[in-house]
Amino acid sequence: MEFRQLGKSGLKVPVLSFGTATFAAGSREGSWGDTQVDEAKRLVDISLEAGVNFFDTADVYSDGRAEEVLGGAVAGRRDNVLIGTKATFRGSTSTDPNAVGSSRFHLTRALEGSLRRLGTDYVDVYYLHGFDAATPQEEVLSTLDEFVRSGKVRYIGASNFSGWQLMKSLAVSDRYGWTKHIAHQAHYSLAAREFEWELMPLGIDQGVGTVVWSPLSQGRLTGKIRRGQAAPADSRLVAGSETEQSGDDETLFRTVDVLDELAAETGKSLAQVALNWVLQRPTVSTVIFGARNEQQFRENLGAVGWNLTTEQVARLDAASATTPTYPYWHQANFSERNPFPTAIGKG
């Protein structure tokens, strides 16, 4: 397993990370999966055998039950794994006005709850799950800095921020000498490339590593979705979950056509090709993948240990390209001073 630096930090993470959104899926049962402790232990075993020692979760995944399952699965081997979890959002049953956001009150209570459910006394990477514009960033970042100084958190990151939100956070931390975000967990795939317009150049400039979520766009890039073909009955695409496709359907179908060609050329599956493309993008430190069963899990592991050629990457780039919104299409006309990110890999 290849390891990369997580942003401008000394922490090395595997290029593939295992996501636990399928653990104890609760209301999403049947659409995302419902992995319980025994099966989770088996998946953790396979992960560690393959060198995947970074596990991603969040306090809102199944209202905390995903953290409990992960905690049970890694019990007795905490020193062998890296755990990232997230806070900011409200649980599905909570009505407490202070049970949401990134206030000192909520983050402190959220972290204590996550540590208890995970059965650990520290988290390796603690993410803000979203930006809280209602709380002063000085309050947010001083709180996170205290978590790091206390030893309860090793590193901090953000998730689903816009460019200005992430840059403001970095600037506030820099002003006061507080711990800075080393990672941005972001939505990015061949079916959704907006991340490249603002956040990827920011990551290169500021040394923020990308932790990619939904690299297969809810299964759109596995071959399940094709021209004139309905989505399978068990697909997340028919389960009412959020849209994760930015281009039109024809762009998606064109991308899947090229994935088909490259799968034939490389002897890999469409999913493995799509994951390998993401792994070759600038700033990407690690890609989160999930699995509802061991077969899916092992297939995703096949995305590493080989690379698409430069020519094959270019074919996927062309097939999946969409026209950027303003000001990015305008900036593209000034490429001499606003070059498109081209550095491969390591954040």
Protein backbone atom coordinates (compact mmCIF):
# COMPACT_ATOMS: atom_id res chain seq x y z
CA MET A 1 0.00 0.00 0.00
CA GLU A 2 1.32 3.42 -0.94
CA PHE A 3 1.36 6.08 1.80
CA ARG A 4 1.28 9.84 1.27
CA GLN A 5 1.71 12.88 3.50
CA LEU A 6 -1.61 14.31 4.64
CA GLY A 7 -1.22 17.87 3.47
CA LYS A 8 1.63 19.87 4.93
CA SER A 9 1.96 17.64 7.98
CA GLY A 10 4.16 14.78 9.11
CA LEU A 11 1.27 12.32 9.13
CA LYS A 12 1.38 9.61 6.48
CA VAL A 13 -1.86 7.97 5.41
CA PRO A 14 -2.63 5.13 2.99
CA VAL A 15 -3.89 6.24 -0.40
CA LEU A 16 -7.07 4.28 0.27
CA SER A 17 -9.11 4.82 3.44
CA PHE A 18 -12.11 2.85 4.57
CA GLY A 19 -15.35 4.77 5.12
CA THR A 20 -17.89 3.59 7.70
CA ALA A 21 -21.09 5.20 6.42
CA THR A 22 -22.36 1.63 5.87
CA PHE A 23 -21.87 0.75 9.53
CA ALA A 24 -25.10 0.38 11.58
CA ALA A 25 -26.93 2.15 8.79
CA GLY A 26 -30.16 2.73 10.69
CA SER A 27 -32.66 4.58 8.52
CA ARG A 28 -30.43 4.01 5.50
CA GLU A 29 -30.55 0.24 5.99
CA GLY A 30 -30.90 -1.53 2.66
CA SER A 31 -29.51 1.39 0.70
CA TRP A 32 -26.09 1.97 2.22
CA GLY A 33 -25.73 -1.26 4.16
CA ASP A 34 -26.02 -2.31 7.79
CA THR A 35 -22.60 -3.59 8.84
CA GLN A 36 -22.45 -4.67 12.48
CA VAL A 37 -19.46 -5.36 14.73
CA ASP A 38 -18.65 -8.95 13.69
CA GLU A 39 -18.62 -8.12 9.97
CA ALA A 40 -16.83 -4.83 10.68
CA LYS A 41 -14.06 -6.73 12.48
CA ARG A 42 -13.63 -8.90 9.41
CA LEU A 43 -13.42 -5.82 7.15
CA VAL A 44 -10.90 -4.22 9.50
CA ASP A 45 -8.86 -7.46 9.34
CA ILE A 46 -8.83 -7.31 5.54
CA SER A 47 -8.00 -3.59 5.62
CA LEU A 48 -4.99 -4.02 7.87
CA GLU A 49 -3.75 -7.00 5.86
CA ALA A 50 -3.82 -4.76 2.77
CA GLY A 51 -2.16 -1.82 4.55
CA VAL A 52 -5.34 0.26 4.83
CA ASN A 53 -5.13 1.55 8.39
CA PHE A 54 -7.10 4.82 8.10
CA PHE A 55 -10.82 4.66 8.97
CA ASP A 56 -13.29 7.48 8.40
CA THR A 57 -16.51 8.04 10.32
CA ALA A 58 -18.71 10.85 11.71
CA ASP A 59 -20.88 11.48 14.73
CA VAL A 60 -24.01 11.72 12.55
CA TYR A 61 -23.51 8.43 10.72
CA SER A 62 -26.46 6.43 12.07
CA ASP A 63 -26.63 8.95 14.92
CA GLY A 64 -23.34 7.75 16.37
CA ARG A 65 -23.89 4.02 15.97
CA ALA A 66 -21.32 3.86 13.16
CA GLU A 67 -18.71 5.15 15.60
CA GLU A 68 -19.76 2.49 18.11
CA VAL A 69 -19.38 -0.28 15.52
CA LEU A 70 -15.99 1.02 14.42
CA GLY A 71 -14.88 1.28 18.04
CA GLY A 72 -15.88 -2.33 18.62
CA ALA A 73 -14.13 -3.46 15.44
CA VAL A 74 -10.78 -1.86 16.35
CA ALA A 75 -10.90 -2.68 20.07
CA GLY A 76 -7.55 -4.05 21.22
CA ARG A 77 -5.68 -2.70 18.20
CA ARG A 78 -6.17 1.04 18.47
CA ASP A 79 -2.44 1.66 18.14
CA ASN A 80 -2.48 0.00 14.71
CA VAL A 81 -5.10 2.28 13.15
CA LEU A 82 -5.77 5.91 12.30
CA ILE A 83 -9.28 7.23 12.94
CA GLY A 84 -10.87 10.33 11.48
CA THR A 85 -14.27 11.52 12.62
CA LYS A 86 -16.38 14.63 12.07
CA ALA A 87 -18.73 16.98 13.90
CA THR A 88 -20.91 20.02 13.13
CA PHE A 89 -24.23 18.60 11.91
CA ARG A 90 -27.31 17.85 13.97
CA GLY A 91 -28.37 14.30 14.81
CA SER A 92 -31.64 13.16 13.26
CA THR A 93 -33.61 13.20 16.53
CA SER A 94 -32.12 16.24 18.27
CA THR A 95 -34.02 19.50 18.77
CA ASP A 96 -31.51 21.15 21.13
CA PRO A 97 -30.54 24.54 19.62
CA ASN A 98 -26.94 23.97 20.79
CA ALA A 99 -26.65 20.50 19.28
CA VAL A 100 -25.47 21.77 15.89
CA GLY A 101 -22.68 23.91 14.47
CA SER A 102 -19.08 24.47 15.47
CA SER A 103 -19.48 26.41 18.69
CA ARG A 104 -17.16 25.67 21.60
CA PHE A 105 -20.17 24.18 23.41
CA HIS A 106 -21.19 21.82 20.62
CA LEU A 107 -17.71 20.75 19.48
CA THR A 108 -16.63 19.97 23.04
CA ARG A 109 -19.71 17.87 23.68
CA ALA A 110 -19.46 16.24 20.23
CA LEU A 111 -15.82 15.25 20.68
CA GLU A 112 -16.45 13.74 24.11
CA GLY A 113 -19.32 11.72 22.64
CA SER A 114 -17.21 10.49 19.73
CA LEU A 115 -14.34 9.44 22.01
CA ARG A 116 -16.76 7.52 24.22
CA ARG A 117 -18.43 5.73 21.30
CA LEU A 118 -15.10 4.93 19.62
CA GLY A 119 -13.64 3.62 22.87
CA THR A 120 -10.51 5.75 22.58
CA ASP A 121 -8.97 8.76 24.28
CA TYR A 122 -7.87 10.52 21.08
CA VAL A 123 -8.82 11.02 17.44
CA ASP A 124 -6.12 11.18 14.78
CA VAL A 125 -7.94 13.61 12.46
CA TYR A 126 -10.94 15.65 13.62
CA TYR A 127 -12.92 17.35 10.85
CA LEU A 128 -15.50 20.09 10.83
CA HIS A 129 -18.23 18.41 8.77
CA GLY A 130 -19.34 21.73 7.31
CA PHE A 131 -18.73 25.48 7.72
CA ASP A 132 -20.56 27.28 10.52
CA ALA A 133 -21.04 30.92 9.49
CA ALA A 134 -23.03 31.66 12.67
CA THR A 135 -20.07 31.09 15.00
CA PRO A 136 -16.98 33.35 15.01
CA GLN A 137 -14.06 31.49 13.49
CA GLU A 138 -11.89 32.59 16.40
CA GLU A 139 -14.16 30.55 18.69
CA VAL A 140 -14.13 27.55 16.35
CA LEU A 141 -10.40 27.43 15.77
CA SER A 142 -9.32 28.23 19.32
CA THR A 143 -11.50 25.31 20.43
CA LEU A 144 -9.88 22.97 17.93
CA ASP A 145 -6.45 24.22 18.96
CA GLU A 146 -7.26 23.37 22.59
CA PHE A 147 -8.31 19.87 21.52
CA VAL A 148 -4.90 19.36 19.92
CA ARG A 149 -3.01 20.80 22.89
CA SER A 150 -4.97 18.53 25.23
CA GLY A 151 -3.97 15.44 23.24
CA LYS A 152 -7.56 14.49 22.44
CA VAL A 153 -7.03 15.34 18.76
CA ARG A 154 -3.84 14.91 16.74
CA TYR A 155 -4.70 16.89 13.57
CA ILE A 156 -7.65 18.94 12.34
CA GLY A 157 -9.36 19.18 8.99
CA ALA A 158 -12.40 20.60 7.25
CA SER A 159 -15.03 19.06 5.03
CA ASN A 160 -17.36 20.49 2.39
CA PHE A 161 -15.96 24.03 2.72
CA SER A 162 -15.92 26.51 -0.14
CA GLY A 163 -12.63 28.11 -1.07
CA TRP A 164 -13.17 31.34 0.86
CA GLN A 165 -14.33 29.46 3.95
CA LEU A 166 -11.25 27.27 4.03
CA MET A 167 -8.92 30.21 3.32
CA LYS A 168 -10.54 32.28 6.09
CA SER A 169 -10.07 29.42 8.53
CA LEU A 170 -6.41 29.05 7.60
CA ALA A 171 -5.86 32.78 7.91
CA VAL A 172 -7.42 32.96 11.38
CA SER A 173 -5.28 30.06 12.59
CA ASP A 174 -2.20 31.66 11.09
CA ARG A 175 -2.96 35.01 12.74
CA TYR A 176 -3.09 33.55 16.23
CA GLY A 177 -0.59 30.73 15.85
CA TRP A 178 -3.26 28.07 16.27
CA THR A 179 -3.36 24.60 14.77
CA LYS A 180 -4.27 24.74 11.08
CA HIS A 181 -6.38 22.46 8.90
CA ILE A 182 -4.07 19.99 7.18
CA ALA A 183 -6.82 18.26 5.19
CA HIS A 184 -10.03 19.01 3.35
CA GLN A 185 -12.46 16.12 2.94
CA ALA A 186 -14.21 16.86 -0.32
CA HIS A 187 -16.55 15.46 -2.93
CA TYR A 188 -14.61 14.65 -6.12
CA SER A 189 -14.92 12.15 -8.96
CA LEU A 190 -14.99 11.81 -12.73
CA ALA A 191 -18.68 12.69 -12.49
CA ALA A 192 -18.15 15.79 -10.34
CA ARG A 193 -15.03 17.83 -11.05
CA GLU A 194 -15.90 21.26 -9.57
CA PHE A 195 -13.32 20.64 -6.84
CA GLU A 196 -10.63 21.41 -9.43
CA TRP A 197 -11.79 24.99 -10.00
CA GLU A 198 -11.07 26.60 -6.62
CA LEU A 199 -10.32 24.09 -3.87
CA MET A 200 -7.60 22.14 -5.64
CA PRO A 201 -5.49 25.25 -6.44
CA LEU A 202 -6.03 26.39 -2.85
CA GLY A 203 -4.83 23.03 -1.57
CA ILE A 204 -1.66 23.27 -3.65
CA ASP A 205 -0.98 26.83 -2.54
CA GLN A 206 -1.67 26.26 1.16
CA GLY A 207 -0.48 22.67 1.55
CA VAL A 208 -3.90 21.22 2.37
CA GLY A 209 -4.27 17.54 1.47
CA THR A 210 -7.47 16.26 -0.10
CA VAL A 211 -9.40 13.38 1.44
CA VAL A 212 -11.85 12.37 -1.30
CA TRP A 213 -15.36 11.16 -0.53
CA SER A 214 -17.74 9.51 -3.02
CA PRO A 215 -15.08 8.87 -5.69
CA LEU A 216 -17.51 6.60 -7.58
CA SER A 217 -20.43 9.07 -7.47
CA GLN A 218 -22.92 6.75 -5.73
CA GLY A 219 -22.09 3.93 -8.15
CA ARG A 220 -22.51 5.98 -11.33
CA LEU A 221 -18.94 5.11 -12.33
CA THR A 222 -19.19 1.36 -11.77
CA GLY A 223 -21.15 0.62 -14.93
CA LYS A 224 -24.51 0.37 -13.20
CA ILE A 225 -25.77 3.46 -15.03
CA ARG A 226 -25.77 3.38 -18.82
CA ARG A 227 -27.73 4.77 -21.76
CA GLY A 228 -31.25 3.39 -21.78
CA GLN A 229 -30.70 1.31 -18.65
CA ALA A 230 -32.52 1.81 -15.35
CA ALA A 231 -30.53 1.85 -12.11
CA PRO A 232 -30.53 -1.48 -10.20
CA ALA A 233 -33.19 -1.78 -7.51
CA ASP A 234 -30.57 -1.94 -4.75
CA SER A 235 -28.67 1.12 -5.95
CA ARG A 236 -28.19 4.19 -3.74
CA LEU A 237 -29.32 6.20 -6.77
CA VAL A 238 -32.92 5.22 -6.13
CA ALA A 239 -32.78 5.58 -2.35
CA GLY A 240 -33.41 9.30 -2.12
CA SER A 241 -29.84 10.28 -1.27
CA GLU A 242 -28.21 13.51 -2.43
CA THR A 243 -27.19 14.11 -6.03
CA GLU A 244 -23.49 13.62 -6.69
CA GLN A 245 -23.30 14.29 -10.42
CA SER A 246 -22.42 17.71 -11.82
CA GLY A 247 -22.47 17.14 -15.57
CA ASP A 248 -25.45 16.11 -17.68
CA ASP A 249 -26.29 12.49 -18.37
CA GLU A 250 -24.56 12.50 -21.74
CA THR A 251 -21.29 13.52 -20.08
CA LEU A 252 -21.71 10.67 -17.62
CA PHE A 253 -22.47 8.15 -20.39
CA ARG A 254 -19.45 9.38 -22.39
CA THR A 255 -17.25 8.93 -19.31
CA VAL A 256 -18.57 5.41 -18.71
CA ASP A 257 -17.85 4.56 -22.36
CA VAL A 258 -14.19 5.49 -21.84
CA LEU A 259 -14.10 3.60 -18.53
CA ASP A 260 -15.31 0.55 -20.47
CA GLU A 261 -12.47 0.97 -22.97
CA LEU A 262 -9.83 1.38 -20.27
CA ALA A 263 -11.17 -1.53 -18.24
CA ALA A 264 -10.66 -3.72 -21.30
CA GLU A 265 -7.17 -2.32 -21.88
CA THR A 266 -6.00 -2.71 -18.27
CA GLY A 267 -7.88 -5.82 -17.19
CA LYS A 268 -9.38 -3.85 -14.30
CA SER A 269 -12.99 -3.13 -13.36
CA LEU A 270 -14.64 0.21 -14.11
CA ALA A 271 -14.60 1.07 -10.40
CA GLN A 272 -10.88 0.33 -10.15
CA VAL A 273 -10.13 2.54 -13.15
CA ALA A 274 -12.26 5.40 -11.79
CA LEU A 275 -10.58 5.19 -8.38
CA ASN A 276 -7.11 5.08 -9.95
CA TRP A 277 -7.89 8.28 -11.90
CA VAL A 278 -8.77 10.10 -8.67
CA LEU A 279 -5.58 8.85 -7.00
CA GLN A 280 -3.51 10.52 -9.72
CA ARG A 281 -5.04 13.97 -9.22
CA PRO A 282 -3.22 16.92 -7.63
CA THR A 283 -3.46 17.34 -3.82
CA VAL A 284 -5.12 13.95 -3.28
CA SER A 285 -3.69 12.30 -0.17
CA THR A 286 -6.23 9.52 0.29
CA VAL A 287 -9.51 8.32 -1.21
CA ILE A 288 -12.30 7.03 1.02
CA PHE A 289 -14.06 3.95 -0.25
CA GLY A 290 -16.89 2.00 1.28
CA ALA A 291 -18.20 -1.51 0.86
CA ARG A 292 -21.37 -3.34 1.76
CA ASN A 293 -19.60 -6.69 1.70
CA GLU A 294 -16.18 -8.34 1.44
CA GLN A 295 -16.38 -8.79 -2.33
CA GLN A 296 -16.93 -5.06 -2.91
CA PHE A 297 -14.19 -4.31 -0.43
CA ARG A 298 -11.59 -6.45 -2.18
CA GLU A 299 -12.52 -5.05 -5.59
CA ASN A 300 -11.86 -1.50 -4.39
CA LEU A 301 -8.44 -2.57 -3.05
CA GLY A 302 -7.57 -3.44 -6.65
CA ALA A 303 -7.43 0.26 -7.52
CA VAL A 304 -3.85 0.51 -6.20
CA GLY A 305 -0.54 -1.07 -7.18
CA TRP A 306 -0.75 0.12 -10.79
CA ASN A 307 -1.39 3.39 -12.66
CA LEU A 308 -3.25 4.53 -15.73
CA THR A 309 -0.92 5.91 -18.37
CA THR A 310 -0.76 9.63 -19.10
CA GLU A 311 -2.65 9.03 -22.33
CA GLN A 312 -5.39 7.05 -20.56
CA VAL A 313 -5.78 9.78 -17.93
CA ALA A 314 -6.09 12.35 -20.71
CA ARG A 315 -8.90 10.36 -22.35
CA LEU A 316 -10.84 10.32 -19.08
CA ASP A 317 -10.16 14.02 -18.57
CA ALA A 318 -11.58 14.83 -21.98
CA ALA A 319 -14.64 12.60 -21.64
CA SER A 320 -15.63 13.94 -18.22
CA ALA A 321 -14.88 17.62 -18.84
CA THR A 322 -17.61 20.20 -18.25
CA THR A 323 -17.60 23.98 -18.77
CA PRO A 324 -16.65 25.76 -15.53
CA THR A 325 -18.79 28.55 -14.13
CA TYR A 326 -17.55 32.14 -13.84
CA PRO A 327 -14.87 33.24 -12.95
CA TYR A 328 -13.13 29.95 -13.69
CA TRP A 329 -13.85 29.87 -17.42
CA HIS A 330 -12.49 33.42 -17.62
CA GLN A 331 -9.37 32.53 -15.65
CA ALA A 332 -8.74 29.63 -18.03
CA ASN A 333 -8.09 32.23 -20.74
CA PHE A 334 -5.15 33.48 -18.69
CA SER A 335 -3.46 30.15 -18.22
CA GLU A 336 0.00 31.71 -18.36
CA ARG A 337 -0.64 33.13 -14.87
CA ASN A 338 -3.49 30.85 -13.72
CA PRO A 339 -2.29 27.41 -14.81
CA PHE A 340 -4.46 24.37 -14.27
CA PRO A 341 -3.09 22.19 -11.44
CA THR A 342 -0.88 19.46 -12.88
CA ALA A 343 1.17 18.13 -9.96
CA ILE A 344 0.25 14.49 -9.44
CA GLY A 345 -0.36 13.04 -6.00
CA LYS A 346 0.73 14.03 -2.57
CA GLY A 347 -1.07 17.19 -1.52
